């Protein structure tokens, strides 16, 4: 009986060891600079509504050009979490203008962690939040 308890405890400890690194890495915000909120104005390309995270893709005009743009990506929470905040698959429509507030990526890539969207008519939609904001 004692041997069975030891084996069960070791098996459970091993399972936690194997699962923990992936789980903690999945929820890491280390790639974003949460000390700096920025904003960008662009045109919605698409909303990717899938697990584990929803992504909003927008076209942002390149400064100093006429008509050229870059595609930016903004990561957000899960579809379930965002639904609880009023989001749907149709929250963003391709072609509409929107201002995005976000935490920039530390590596300087175009995009970041979605914080809030504001449409020209004043409508706003907040994101899932980040560390300490749930």
C-alpha atoms as a PDB file:
ATOM      1  CA  UNK A   1       0.000   0.000   0.000  1.00  0.00           C
ATOM      2  CA  UNK A   2       2.775   2.432   0.879  1.00  0.00           C
ATOM      3  CA  UNK A   3       4.570   1.643  -2.396  1.00  0.00           C
ATOM      4  CA  UNK A   4       1.386   2.405  -4.358  1.00  0.00           C
ATOM      5  CA  UNK A   5       1.093   5.829  -2.680  1.00  0.00           C
ATOM      6  CA  UNK A   6       4.709   6.658  -3.507  1.00  0.00           C
ATOM      7  CA  UNK A   7       4.243   5.627  -7.161  1.00  0.00           C
ATOM      8  CA  UNK A   8       1.022   7.661  -7.389  1.00  0.00           C
ATOM      9  CA  UNK A   9       2.708  10.736  -5.878  1.00  0.00           C
ATOM     10  CA  UNK A  10       5.678  10.492  -8.228  1.00  0.00           C
ATOM     11  CA  UNK A  11       3.379  10.045 -11.228  1.00  0.00           C
ATOM     12  CA  UNK A  12       1.387  13.126 -10.255  1.00  0.00           C
ATOM     13  CA  UNK A  13       4.553  15.173  -9.703  1.00  0.00           C
ATOM     14  CA  UNK A  14       5.889  14.067 -13.090  1.00  0.00           C
ATOM     15  CA  UNK A  15       2.652  15.056 -14.787  1.00  0.00           C
ATOM     16  CA  UNK A  16       2.791  18.553 -13.266  1.00  0.00           C
ATOM     17  CA  UNK A  17       6.417  18.914 -14.330  1.00  0.00           C
ATOM     18  CA  UNK A  18       5.584  18.018 -17.915  1.00  0.00           C
ATOM     19  CA  UNK A  19       2.484  20.229 -18.146  1.00  0.00           C
ATOM     20  CA  UNK A  20       3.645  23.317 -16.255  1.00  0.00           C
ATOM     21  CA  UNK A  21       6.239  24.700 -18.690  1.00  0.00           C
ATOM     22  CA  UNK A  22       3.796  24.716 -21.601  1.00  0.00           C
ATOM     23  CA  UNK A  23       0.976  26.159 -19.574  1.00  0.00           C
ATOM     24  CA  UNK A  24       3.050  28.981 -18.145  1.00  0.00           C
ATOM     25  CA  UNK A  25       4.666  29.783 -21.506  1.00  0.00           C
ATOM     26  CA  UNK A  26       1.262  29.936 -23.158  1.00  0.00           C
ATOM     27  CA  UNK A  27       0.115  32.658 -20.765  1.00  0.00           C
ATOM     28  CA  UNK A  28       3.290  34.696 -20.782  1.00  0.00           C
ATOM     29  CA  UNK A  29       3.102  38.389 -21.637  1.00  0.00           C
ATOM     30  CA  UNK A  30       6.889  38.763 -21.737  1.00  0.00           C
ATOM     31  CA  UNK A  31       6.887  39.501 -25.471  1.00  0.00           C
ATOM     32  CA  UNK A  32       4.812  42.661 -24.929  1.00  0.00           C
ATOM     33  CA  UNK A  33       5.901  45.945 -23.357  1.00  0.00           C
ATOM     34  CA  UNK A  34       3.010  46.510 -20.943  1.00  0.00           C
ATOM     35  CA  UNK A  35       4.614  49.734 -19.683  1.00  0.00           C
ATOM     36  CA  UNK A  36       3.885  51.426 -23.018  1.00  0.00           C
ATOM     37  CA  UNK A  37       0.424  51.709 -24.568  1.00  0.00           C
ATOM     38  CA  UNK A  38       0.461  52.922 -28.162  1.00  0.00           C
ATOM     39  CA  UNK A  39      -2.181  53.511 -30.778  1.00  0.00           C
ATOM     40  CA  UNK A  40      -2.401  53.065 -34.521  1.00  0.00           C
ATOM     41  CA  UNK A  41      -5.125  53.826 -37.065  1.00  0.00           C
ATOM     42  CA  UNK A  42      -5.814  51.350 -39.817  1.00  0.00           C
ATOM     43  CA  UNK A  43      -8.303  49.372 -41.861  1.00  0.00           C
ATOM     44  CA  UNK A  44      -9.522  45.969 -40.703  1.00  0.00           C
ATOM     45  CA  UNK A  45      -8.188  43.109 -42.814  1.00  0.00           C
ATOM     46  CA  UNK A  46      -9.737  40.259 -40.811  1.00  0.00           C
ATOM     47  CA  UNK A  47     -10.630  38.932 -37.387  1.00  0.00           C
ATOM     48  CA  UNK A  48      -9.277  35.447 -36.695  1.00  0.00           C
ATOM     49  CA  UNK A  49     -11.752  33.927 -34.233  1.00  0.00           C
ATOM     50  CA  UNK A  50     -10.092  30.732 -33.004  1.00  0.00           C
ATOM     51  CA  UNK A  51      -8.481  29.163 -29.963  1.00  0.00           C
ATOM     52  CA  UNK A  52      -6.288  29.680 -28.148  1.00  0.00           C
ATOM     53  CA  UNK A  53      -6.278  33.419 -28.998  1.00  0.00           C
ATOM     54  CA  UNK A  54      -8.221  35.740 -31.248  1.00  0.00           C
ATOM     55  CA  UNK A  55      -6.135  37.857 -33.633  1.00  0.00           C
ATOM     56  CA  UNK A  56      -7.134  41.116 -35.300  1.00  0.00           C
ATOM     57  CA  UNK A  57      -5.279  41.966 -38.508  1.00  0.00           C
ATOM     58  CA  UNK A  58      -5.301  45.546 -39.810  1.00  0.00           C
ATOM     59  CA  UNK A  59      -3.669  47.415 -42.655  1.00  0.00           C
ATOM     60  CA  UNK A  60      -1.722  50.440 -41.435  1.00  0.00           C
ATOM     61  CA  UNK A  61      -0.528  53.085 -43.928  1.00  0.00           C
ATOM     62  CA  UNK A  62       3.235  53.329 -44.311  1.00  0.00           C
ATOM     63  CA  UNK A  63       4.425  56.805 -43.353  1.00  0.00           C
ATOM     64  CA  UNK A  64       5.670  58.897 -46.269  1.00  0.00           C
ATOM     65  CA  UNK A  65       4.025  56.767 -48.964  1.00  0.00           C
ATOM     66  CA  UNK A  66       0.836  57.128 -50.927  1.00  0.00           C
ATOM     67  CA  UNK A  67      -1.305  54.038 -50.665  1.00  0.00           C
ATOM     68  CA  UNK A  68       1.282  51.594 -49.331  1.00  0.00           C
ATOM     69  CA  UNK A  69       0.524  49.782 -46.102  1.00  0.00           C
ATOM     70  CA  UNK A  70       1.797  47.148 -43.680  1.00  0.00           C
ATOM     71  CA  UNK A  71      -0.242  44.313 -42.179  1.00  0.00           C
ATOM     72  CA  UNK A  72      -0.252  44.447 -38.367  1.00  0.00           C
ATOM     73  CA  UNK A  73      -1.411  41.688 -35.998  1.00  0.00           C
ATOM     74  CA  UNK A  74      -2.955  42.188 -32.555  1.00  0.00           C
ATOM     75  CA  UNK A  75      -3.253  39.258 -30.171  1.00  0.00           C
ATOM     76  CA  UNK A  76      -6.128  39.034 -27.736  1.00  0.00           C
ATOM     77  CA  UNK A  77      -7.778  36.541 -25.391  1.00  0.00           C
ATOM     78  CA  UNK A  78      -9.754  33.408 -26.174  1.00  0.00           C
ATOM     79  CA  UNK A  79     -13.075  33.462 -28.040  1.00  0.00           C
ATOM     80  CA  UNK A  80     -14.838  32.400 -24.827  1.00  0.00           C
ATOM     81  CA  UNK A  81     -13.295  35.175 -22.746  1.00  0.00           C
ATOM     82  CA  UNK A  82     -13.957  37.805 -25.388  1.00  0.00           C
ATOM     83  CA  UNK A  83     -17.565  36.661 -25.843  1.00  0.00           C
ATOM     84  CA  UNK A  84     -18.092  37.412 -22.163  1.00  0.00           C
ATOM     85  CA  UNK A  85     -16.957  40.993 -22.931  1.00  0.00           C
ATOM     86  CA  UNK A  86     -19.435  41.405 -25.785  1.00  0.00           C
ATOM     87  CA  UNK A  87     -17.286  40.315 -28.713  1.00  0.00           C
ATOM     88  CA  UNK A  88     -18.631  38.249 -31.614  1.00  0.00           C
ATOM     89  CA  UNK A  89     -17.150  36.896 -34.828  1.00  0.00           C
ATOM     90  CA  UNK A  90     -18.606  40.009 -36.487  1.00  0.00           C
ATOM     91  CA  UNK A  91     -17.192  42.596 -34.082  1.00  0.00           C
ATOM     92  CA  UNK A  92     -14.798  43.781 -36.788  1.00  0.00           C
ATOM     93  CA  UNK A  93     -15.669  43.934 -40.467  1.00  0.00           C
ATOM     94  CA  UNK A  94     -13.082  43.925 -43.234  1.00  0.00           C
ATOM     95  CA  UNK A  95     -12.620  47.388 -44.699  1.00  0.00           C
ATOM     96  CA  UNK A  96     -13.732  49.459 -41.699  1.00  0.00           C
ATOM     97  CA  UNK A  97     -11.453  52.078 -40.150  1.00  0.00           C
ATOM     98  CA  UNK A  98     -10.472  51.611 -36.523  1.00  0.00           C
ATOM     99  CA  UNK A  99      -7.997  52.953 -33.979  1.00  0.00           C
ATOM    100  CA  UNK A 100      -6.238  50.256 -31.951  1.00  0.00           C
ATOM    101  CA  UNK A 101      -4.596  50.815 -28.585  1.00  0.00           C
ATOM    102  CA  UNK A 102      -2.044  48.120 -27.827  1.00  0.00           C
ATOM    103  CA  UNK A 103       1.046  47.035 -25.949  1.00  0.00           C
ATOM    104  CA  UNK A 104       3.866  46.883 -28.506  1.00  0.00           C
ATOM    105  CA  UNK A 105       5.948  43.806 -29.162  1.00  0.00           C
ATOM    106  CA  UNK A 106       9.384  44.055 -27.571  1.00  0.00           C
ATOM    107  CA  UNK A 107      11.061  42.878 -30.784  1.00  0.00           C
ATOM    108  CA  UNK A 108       9.668  45.867 -32.720  1.00  0.00           C
ATOM    109  CA  UNK A 109       7.424  43.813 -35.028  1.00  0.00           C
ATOM    110  CA  UNK A 110       4.243  45.440 -36.307  1.00  0.00           C
ATOM    111  CA  UNK A 111       1.513  44.590 -33.814  1.00  0.00           C
ATOM    112  CA  UNK A 112       1.124  43.700 -30.184  1.00  0.00           C
ATOM    113  CA  UNK A 113      -1.333  42.873 -27.431  1.00  0.00           C
ATOM    114  CA  UNK A 114      -4.784  44.329 -28.155  1.00  0.00           C
ATOM    115  CA  UNK A 115      -6.127  46.651 -25.447  1.00  0.00           C
ATOM    116  CA  UNK A 116      -8.959  48.658 -27.050  1.00  0.00           C
ATOM    117  CA  UNK A 117     -10.526  49.546 -30.391  1.00  0.00           C
ATOM    118  CA  UNK A 118     -12.285  52.816 -31.172  1.00  0.00           C
ATOM    119  CA  UNK A 119     -14.351  53.378 -34.307  1.00  0.00           C
ATOM    120  CA  UNK A 120     -14.829  56.803 -35.936  1.00  0.00           C
ATOM    121  CA  UNK A 121     -18.393  56.944 -34.517  1.00  0.00           C
ATOM    122  CA  UNK A 122     -16.959  56.704 -30.968  1.00  0.00           C
ATOM    123  CA  UNK A 123     -17.900  53.082 -30.304  1.00  0.00           C
ATOM    124  CA  UNK A 124     -15.288  51.242 -28.203  1.00  0.00           C
ATOM    125  CA  UNK A 125     -14.459  47.595 -27.514  1.00  0.00           C
ATOM    126  CA  UNK A 126     -11.949  46.484 -24.907  1.00  0.00           C
ATOM    127  CA  UNK A 127      -9.779  43.428 -25.046  1.00  0.00           C
ATOM    128  CA  UNK A 128      -9.238  40.575 -22.650  1.00  0.00           C
ATOM    129  CA  UNK A 129      -6.716  42.488 -20.577  1.00  0.00           C
ATOM    130  CA  UNK A 130      -3.314  41.366 -19.429  1.00  0.00           C
ATOM    131  CA  UNK A 131      -1.437  40.517 -16.250  1.00  0.00           C
ATOM    132  CA  UNK A 132      -3.248  41.785 -13.184  1.00  0.00           C
ATOM    133  CA  UNK A 133      -6.259  42.891 -15.233  1.00  0.00           C
ATOM    134  CA  UNK A 134      -8.440  39.786 -15.220  1.00  0.00           C
END
